[in-house]
């Protein structure tokens, strides 16, 4: 799939959370961390004004005409007033043309949504919602330092369906310290009992500097070994497939036609604009990222209107490496004729071991098998060696 220069996806970063989860190293901030006294309504309105300014900048710096996807992530976007979030969507529609099937997604903490809020989100243009479920087991959520009640996930998903959301996703995390196989089975089965169309499931990564990393270092909690984590992935994949959800990226499964367009824009190497503190953008091989702190972002937007921290232009070699890293994560894989003879030779042992599909290889593609997905990073490293 070649880059469509006239298409531009938007990622809108909302950098606010009521509480920081113990495993989180995302670019998010609590009111206490920011030492702010203003109400959330004031923060919401002022911050949205800045995002609108950046969208205006995007309209002048990009040649794109069409927007196929707008994704609001964070942080906790559902802490913002729907009317303010709607102003961002309106700003984009005034400067670009939304495609007829434009996907407009919002991430949500189940504890922050109500039937009224969900109805308001639908009314301002959102047509897809992603719920941060993580686990259905209280003691696992406690280790993750998540604030939501597991029962609220079911309520939130059904309320979203009642509000008119046809595309509903849940995010899961596996490999949490103290999570048994039985715990994970309960989480997967609970998720699949909901009226959802999409699931993302990620292995927990203990990031340096987080509360969880300190707990692991002290020995308060023990991270499961790699074999157990791999078993959980394979178990989930089997259950997802039985429920009619196929993988379309290593960590994402969906019902037919419900693949997240925004995810695919990233994995296909298309163009997107990230608005907000710390947001990353990519247009035609040029990447840049904004200053991370909300205060610095505000100062830049009000002074120069340019929040860029740094940028880079990818070399041909870097773009090729990125193509392999991204394409191997997709069912279609990598075209064999796009690889050198040395790269093909280095991949053949994985074919012999059953980690690459023999059927796809014969038809000209390097595509991962069920077990090969567990070795995706190693397979690409070997190909690039």
Protein backbone atom coordinates (compact mmCIF):
# COMPACT_ATOMS: atom_id res chain seq x y z
CA UNK A 1 0.00 0.00 0.00
CA UNK A 2 1.59 3.26 -1.08
CA UNK A 3 1.34 6.44 0.92
CA UNK A 4 -1.68 8.53 -0.02
CA UNK A 5 -0.32 12.08 0.03
CA UNK A 6 -3.81 13.57 -0.06
CA UNK A 7 -4.87 11.71 3.14
CA UNK A 8 -3.91 12.77 6.66
CA UNK A 9 -4.99 11.05 9.88
CA UNK A 10 -5.09 13.00 13.14
CA UNK A 11 -4.07 11.90 16.61
CA UNK A 12 -5.32 14.27 19.32
CA UNK A 13 -3.50 13.95 22.64
CA UNK A 14 -5.35 14.73 25.87
CA UNK A 15 -2.60 14.73 28.55
CA UNK A 16 -4.73 14.70 31.71
CA UNK A 17 -5.61 11.95 34.17
CA UNK A 18 -7.18 12.05 37.62
CA UNK A 19 -4.59 9.55 38.86
CA UNK A 20 -1.44 8.05 37.36
CA UNK A 21 -1.52 4.26 37.06
CA UNK A 22 1.44 2.42 38.53
CA UNK A 23 2.61 0.97 35.18
CA UNK A 24 2.09 4.14 33.14
CA UNK A 25 4.95 6.08 31.56
CA UNK A 26 2.76 7.84 28.98
CA UNK A 27 2.96 11.60 28.56
CA UNK A 28 0.09 12.32 30.94
CA UNK A 29 -0.26 14.53 34.00
CA UNK A 30 -2.49 14.69 37.06
CA UNK A 31 -3.68 18.01 38.53
CA UNK A 32 -1.35 17.41 41.48
CA UNK A 33 1.66 16.89 39.19
CA UNK A 34 0.83 20.09 37.32
CA UNK A 35 0.09 21.98 40.55
CA UNK A 36 -2.97 23.50 38.94
CA UNK A 37 -5.85 25.04 40.85
CA UNK A 38 -8.21 25.62 37.91
CA UNK A 39 -11.28 23.48 37.44
CA UNK A 40 -11.21 20.80 34.77
CA UNK A 41 -13.77 22.76 32.76
CA UNK A 42 -11.39 25.73 32.53
CA UNK A 43 -8.45 23.47 31.65
CA UNK A 44 -10.57 21.73 29.01
CA UNK A 45 -11.69 24.93 27.28
CA UNK A 46 -8.24 26.56 27.24
CA UNK A 47 -6.45 23.42 26.13
CA UNK A 48 -8.88 22.81 23.27
CA UNK A 49 -8.18 26.36 22.04
CA UNK A 50 -4.51 25.37 21.67
CA UNK A 51 -5.37 22.19 19.79
CA UNK A 52 -7.51 24.18 17.36
CA UNK A 53 -4.53 26.46 16.71
CA UNK A 54 -2.34 23.45 15.93
CA UNK A 55 -4.95 22.00 13.58
CA UNK A 56 -4.96 25.32 11.76
CA UNK A 57 -1.18 24.97 11.45
CA UNK A 58 -1.60 21.48 10.03
CA UNK A 59 -3.96 22.80 7.35
CA UNK A 60 -1.29 25.24 6.17
CA UNK A 61 1.67 22.84 6.33
CA UNK A 62 0.06 19.76 4.78
CA UNK A 63 -1.08 19.29 1.21
CA UNK A 64 -3.61 16.69 2.33
CA UNK A 65 -7.30 17.19 1.59
CA UNK A 66 -8.94 14.15 3.17
CA UNK A 67 -9.06 12.88 6.74
CA UNK A 68 -9.87 9.16 7.16
CA UNK A 69 -9.37 8.96 10.93
CA UNK A 70 -9.32 11.11 14.07
CA UNK A 71 -8.18 9.42 17.27
CA UNK A 72 -8.41 11.04 20.71
CA UNK A 73 -5.98 9.37 23.14
CA UNK A 74 -4.28 10.19 26.37
CA UNK A 75 -4.43 10.49 29.21
CA UNK A 76 -8.15 10.29 29.72
CA UNK A 77 -9.95 12.11 26.89
CA UNK A 78 -13.34 11.49 28.51
CA UNK A 79 -12.39 13.92 31.27
CA UNK A 80 -12.85 16.71 28.72
CA UNK A 81 -16.27 18.18 28.03
CA UNK A 82 -17.84 16.60 24.90
CA UNK A 83 -18.63 20.05 23.53
CA UNK A 84 -14.95 20.99 23.75
CA UNK A 85 -13.83 17.75 22.13
CA UNK A 86 -16.39 18.44 19.43
CA UNK A 87 -14.69 21.76 18.73
CA UNK A 88 -11.60 19.83 17.65
CA UNK A 89 -13.63 17.69 15.26
CA UNK A 90 -15.32 20.81 13.90
CA UNK A 91 -11.94 22.52 13.41
CA UNK A 92 -10.75 19.57 11.32
CA UNK A 93 -13.93 19.42 9.25
CA UNK A 94 -13.63 23.13 8.45
CA UNK A 95 -10.09 22.73 7.12
CA UNK A 96 -10.22 19.26 5.57
CA UNK A 97 -12.78 16.90 4.07
CA UNK A 98 -13.66 13.90 6.20
CA UNK A 99 -13.92 10.71 4.15
CA UNK A 100 -17.37 9.14 4.01
CA UNK A 101 -16.22 6.37 6.34
CA UNK A 102 -14.07 8.56 8.60
CA UNK A 103 -13.41 6.84 11.92
CA UNK A 104 -13.53 9.14 14.97
CA UNK A 105 -12.34 7.32 18.09
CA UNK A 106 -12.15 8.27 21.74
CA UNK A 107 -10.35 6.34 24.47
CA UNK A 108 -12.32 6.05 27.70
CA UNK A 109 -11.83 5.07 31.31
CA UNK A 110 -15.00 3.11 32.20
CA UNK A 111 -15.35 5.05 35.45
CA UNK A 112 -15.53 8.39 33.61
CA UNK A 113 -18.45 7.66 31.29
CA UNK A 114 -22.17 7.93 31.87
CA UNK A 115 -25.09 7.33 29.48
CA UNK A 116 -25.47 11.10 29.16
CA UNK A 117 -21.77 11.62 28.37
CA UNK A 118 -21.81 8.86 25.76
CA UNK A 119 -24.87 10.36 24.09
CA UNK A 120 -23.13 13.74 24.01
CA UNK A 121 -19.99 12.18 22.51
CA UNK A 122 -22.08 10.64 19.73
CA UNK A 123 -23.79 13.96 19.09
CA UNK A 124 -20.48 15.79 18.48
CA UNK A 125 -19.27 13.19 15.99
CA UNK A 126 -17.58 10.24 17.72
CA UNK A 127 -18.44 6.89 16.13
CA UNK A 128 -15.93 4.58 17.81
CA UNK A 129 -14.91 4.14 21.45
CA UNK A 130 -12.09 2.21 23.08
CA UNK A 131 -12.56 1.22 26.72
CA UNK A 132 -9.56 0.76 29.01
CA UNK A 133 -10.58 -2.56 30.54
CA UNK A 134 -7.10 -4.06 31.18
CA UNK A 135 -8.41 -6.89 33.38
CA UNK A 136 -11.61 -8.30 34.87
CA UNK A 137 -9.81 -9.37 38.06
CA UNK A 138 -9.70 -6.92 41.01
CA UNK A 139 -6.31 -8.00 42.37
CA UNK A 140 -4.74 -7.62 38.88
CA UNK A 141 -6.22 -4.13 38.51
CA UNK A 142 -4.85 -3.30 41.97
CA UNK A 143 -1.31 -4.22 40.87
CA UNK A 144 -1.76 -2.08 37.77
CA UNK A 145 -3.03 0.72 40.03
CA UNK A 146 -6.15 1.09 37.90
CA UNK A 147 -8.97 3.00 39.48
CA UNK A 148 -11.99 1.49 37.75
CA UNK A 149 -14.38 -1.11 39.12
CA UNK A 150 -14.45 -4.18 36.80
CA UNK A 151 -18.25 -4.16 36.86
CA UNK A 152 -18.22 -0.68 35.32
CA UNK A 153 -16.72 -2.01 32.09
CA UNK A 154 -19.85 -4.00 31.30
CA UNK A 155 -22.05 -1.04 32.19
CA UNK A 156 -19.97 1.34 30.09
CA UNK A 157 -19.90 -0.94 27.03
CA UNK A 158 -23.65 -1.54 27.10
CA UNK A 159 -24.27 2.18 27.62
CA UNK A 160 -22.05 2.94 24.62
CA UNK A 161 -24.04 0.50 22.50
CA UNK A 162 -27.29 2.08 23.70
CA UNK A 163 -25.92 5.52 22.80
CA UNK A 164 -25.40 4.38 19.22
CA UNK A 165 -21.74 3.35 19.09
CA UNK A 166 -21.47 0.50 16.58
CA UNK A 167 -17.69 0.15 16.90
CA UNK A 168 -16.57 -0.61 20.47
CA UNK A 169 -13.15 -1.85 21.49
CA UNK A 170 -11.63 -2.92 24.79
CA UNK A 171 -7.94 -2.78 25.73
CA UNK A 172 -6.49 -5.68 27.72
CA UNK A 173 -3.12 -6.18 29.42
CA UNK A 174 -1.62 -9.59 30.15
CA UNK A 175 1.47 -10.59 32.09
CA UNK A 176 0.77 -8.50 35.19
CA UNK A 177 2.61 -9.70 38.33
CA UNK A 178 0.31 -12.06 40.23
CA UNK A 179 -1.96 -12.73 37.24
CA UNK A 180 -2.58 -16.48 36.89
CA UNK A 181 -3.63 -18.26 33.70
CA UNK A 182 -7.09 -18.60 35.27
CA UNK A 183 -7.18 -14.83 35.87
CA UNK A 184 -6.34 -14.19 32.23
CA UNK A 185 -8.95 -16.67 31.01
CA UNK A 186 -11.56 -14.87 33.11
CA UNK A 187 -10.52 -11.52 31.63
CA UNK A 188 -10.65 -12.78 28.05
CA UNK A 189 -13.98 -14.55 28.54
CA UNK A 190 -15.46 -11.47 30.22
CA UNK A 191 -14.33 -9.24 27.35
CA UNK A 192 -15.77 -11.61 24.75
CA UNK A 193 -19.12 -11.67 26.56
CA UNK A 194 -19.53 -7.96 25.81
CA UNK A 195 -21.08 -6.47 22.63
CA UNK A 196 -17.72 -5.39 21.20
CA UNK A 197 -16.20 -5.45 17.71
CA UNK A 198 -12.50 -5.09 18.51
CA UNK A 199 -9.91 -6.11 21.11
CA UNK A 200 -6.38 -4.89 21.74
CA UNK A 201 -4.25 -7.08 24.02
CA UNK A 202 -0.77 -6.00 25.08
CA UNK A 203 1.89 -7.73 27.14
CA UNK A 204 2.76 -5.63 30.17
CA UNK A 205 6.11 -3.86 29.85
CA UNK A 206 7.59 -2.67 33.13
CA UNK A 207 8.97 0.76 32.23
CA UNK A 208 11.82 2.36 34.14
CA UNK A 209 10.77 5.17 36.45
CA UNK A 210 7.24 3.89 37.07
CA UNK A 211 5.79 2.92 40.42
CA UNK A 212 5.51 -0.68 39.21
CA UNK A 213 9.20 -0.77 38.25
CA UNK A 214 10.09 0.28 41.80
CA UNK A 215 7.87 -2.47 43.21
CA UNK A 216 9.54 -5.06 40.97
CA UNK A 217 13.01 -3.81 41.96
CA UNK A 218 12.14 -4.10 45.66
CA UNK A 219 10.78 -7.60 45.12
CA UNK A 220 7.27 -6.62 46.18
CA UNK A 221 5.89 -8.19 42.98
CA UNK A 222 7.33 -10.73 40.54
CA UNK A 223 6.94 -10.43 36.78
CA UNK A 224 5.77 -13.68 35.09
CA UNK A 225 8.34 -15.49 32.95
CA UNK A 226 8.33 -15.20 29.16
CA UNK A 227 6.90 -18.68 28.61
CA UNK A 228 3.82 -17.93 30.70
CA UNK A 229 3.31 -14.61 28.92
CA UNK A 230 3.59 -16.36 25.55
CA UNK A 231 1.04 -18.97 26.66
CA UNK A 232 -1.36 -16.17 27.53
CA UNK A 233 -0.98 -14.63 24.08
CA UNK A 234 -1.65 -17.93 22.31
CA UNK A 235 -4.59 -18.70 24.60
CA UNK A 236 -6.16 -15.30 23.92
CA UNK A 237 -5.59 -15.58 20.18
CA UNK A 238 -7.38 -18.94 20.10
CA UNK A 239 -10.35 -17.61 22.06
CA UNK A 240 -10.56 -14.46 19.97
CA UNK A 241 -10.59 -16.50 16.75
CA UNK A 242 -13.29 -18.81 18.09
CA UNK A 243 -15.37 -15.69 18.82
CA UNK A 244 -15.02 -14.46 15.23
CA UNK A 245 -12.21 -11.97 15.81
CA UNK A 246 -9.13 -12.33 13.60
CA UNK A 247 -5.76 -10.71 14.17
CA UNK A 248 -4.89 -7.88 11.80
CA UNK A 249 -1.83 -6.71 13.76
CA UNK A 250 0.18 -8.53 16.42
CA UNK A 251 -1.75 -7.01 19.33
CA UNK A 252 -5.09 -6.31 17.67
CA UNK A 253 -8.09 -8.46 16.73
CA UNK A 254 -11.42 -7.49 15.24
CA UNK A 255 -14.60 -8.73 13.66
CA UNK A 256 -14.56 -8.46 9.84
CA UNK A 257 -14.66 -4.82 8.79
CA UNK A 258 -14.02 -3.49 12.31
CA UNK A 259 -10.26 -3.08 12.09
CA UNK A 260 -9.12 0.21 13.60
CA UNK A 261 -8.37 2.49 10.64
CA UNK A 262 -6.09 4.60 12.80
CA UNK A 263 -3.98 1.59 13.77
CA UNK A 264 -3.66 0.58 10.14
CA UNK A 265 -2.59 4.09 9.12
CA UNK A 266 0.38 3.73 11.48
CA UNK A 267 1.27 0.20 10.41
CA UNK A 268 1.00 0.99 6.71
CA UNK A 269 3.38 3.93 7.13
CA UNK A 270 0.81 6.51 6.04
CA UNK A 271 0.77 10.20 7.01
CA UNK A 272 -0.60 11.45 10.31
CA UNK A 273 -0.50 14.60 12.41
CA UNK A 274 -0.25 14.37 16.18
CA UNK A 275 -1.61 17.42 18.01
CA UNK A 276 -0.85 18.15 21.66
CA UNK A 277 2.09 17.87 24.07
CA UNK A 278 4.55 15.15 23.12
CA UNK A 279 2.49 14.06 20.10
CA UNK A 280 4.41 12.61 17.15
CA UNK A 281 3.71 13.25 13.47
CA UNK A 282 4.84 11.73 10.18
CA UNK A 283 4.48 13.11 6.67
CA UNK A 284 6.29 11.60 3.69
CA UNK A 285 9.32 10.35 5.59
CA UNK A 286 9.68 13.38 7.86
CA UNK A 287 8.95 12.85 11.54
CA UNK A 288 8.66 15.39 14.32
CA UNK A 289 7.43 15.53 17.88
CA UNK A 290 6.11 18.28 20.10
CA UNK A 291 7.44 19.52 23.41
CA UNK A 292 6.21 17.18 26.12
CA UNK A 293 5.01 19.33 29.00
CA UNK A 294 1.58 21.00 28.75
CA UNK A 295 2.98 24.28 30.05
CA UNK A 296 5.76 24.32 27.44
CA UNK A 297 3.24 23.38 24.76
CA UNK A 298 0.97 26.25 25.78
CA UNK A 299 3.86 28.74 25.76
CA UNK A 300 4.97 27.64 22.29
CA UNK A 301 1.47 27.73 20.83
CA UNK A 302 0.74 31.19 22.22
CA UNK A 303 4.08 32.66 21.14
CA UNK A 304 5.21 31.12 17.84
CA UNK A 305 2.36 28.70 17.12
CA UNK A 306 4.96 25.97 16.59
CA UNK A 307 5.22 23.37 19.39
CA UNK A 308 7.83 21.23 17.61
CA UNK A 309 10.61 19.95 19.85
CA UNK A 310 12.68 18.03 17.31
CA UNK A 311 12.35 16.55 13.85
CA UNK A 312 14.14 14.16 11.51
CA UNK A 313 14.07 13.14 7.88
CA UNK A 314 14.36 9.39 7.48
CA UNK A 315 17.02 8.07 5.13
CA UNK A 316 16.14 5.44 2.55
CA UNK A 317 17.73 2.80 4.78
CA UNK A 318 15.75 3.95 7.81
CA UNK A 319 12.48 3.93 5.86
CA UNK A 320 13.23 0.45 4.59
CA UNK A 321 14.00 -0.80 8.11
CA UNK A 322 10.79 0.74 9.38
CA UNK A 323 8.82 -0.89 6.54
CA UNK A 324 10.06 -4.31 7.58
CA UNK A 325 9.42 -3.67 11.27
CA UNK A 326 5.84 -2.59 10.57
CA UNK A 327 4.86 -5.00 7.80
CA UNK A 328 5.99 -8.12 9.67
CA UNK A 329 3.34 -7.29 12.29
CA UNK A 330 0.55 -7.62 9.73
CA UNK A 331 -1.04 -10.79 8.27
CA UNK A 332 -0.02 -9.78 4.75
CA UNK A 333 3.62 -9.69 5.88
CA UNK A 334 6.54 -8.57 3.72
CA UNK A 335 6.77 -9.04 -0.04
CA UNK A 336 9.59 -11.51 -0.74
CA UNK A 337 10.65 -9.68 -3.88
CA UNK A 338 11.27 -6.54 -1.79
CA UNK A 339 14.04 -8.31 0.15
CA UNK A 340 17.65 -8.93 -0.79
CA UNK A 341 18.91 -12.47 -1.41
CA UNK A 342 20.89 -12.27 1.87
CA UNK A 343 17.77 -11.27 3.80
CA UNK A 344 15.79 -14.13 2.27
CA UNK A 345 18.55 -16.56 3.21
CA UNK A 346 18.52 -15.34 6.82
CA UNK A 347 14.77 -15.87 7.01
CA UNK A 348 14.72 -19.44 5.69
CA UNK A 349 15.53 -21.06 9.09
CA UNK A 350 12.35 -19.48 10.49
CA UNK A 351 10.44 -20.98 7.56
CA UNK A 352 11.91 -24.42 8.32
CA UNK A 353 11.01 -24.06 12.00
CA UNK A 354 7.38 -23.29 11.18
CA UNK A 355 7.48 -19.66 12.32
CA UNK A 356 6.83 -18.37 8.80
CA UNK A 357 3.93 -19.52 6.68
CA UNK A 358 5.04 -21.95 3.94
CA UNK A 359 1.83 -21.25 2.01
CA UNK A 360 2.41 -17.51 1.99
CA UNK A 361 6.10 -17.98 1.21
CA UNK A 362 5.15 -19.93 -1.92
CA UNK A 363 2.86 -17.09 -2.95
CA UNK A 364 5.61 -14.51 -2.41
CA UNK A 365 5.18 -13.17 1.14
CA UNK A 366 7.00 -13.44 4.46
CA UNK A 367 4.11 -13.90 6.88
CA UNK A 368 4.13 -15.00 10.50
CA UNK A 369 2.47 -18.18 11.69
CA UNK A 370 0.59 -18.55 14.98
CA UNK A 371 3.82 -19.17 16.93
CA UNK A 372 5.92 -16.94 14.71
CA UNK A 373 4.10 -13.90 16.05
CA UNK A 374 5.86 -14.49 19.36
CA UNK A 375 9.21 -14.05 17.59
CA UNK A 376 8.37 -11.10 15.35
CA UNK A 377 11.06 -8.78 16.70
CA UNK A 378 13.76 -11.46 16.49
CA UNK A 379 12.77 -12.41 12.94
CA UNK A 380 13.09 -8.80 11.76
CA UNK A 381 16.39 -8.34 13.64
CA UNK A 382 17.82 -11.37 11.86
CA UNK A 383 16.57 -10.15 8.49
CA UNK A 384 18.22 -6.77 9.07
CA UNK A 385 21.50 -8.19 10.45
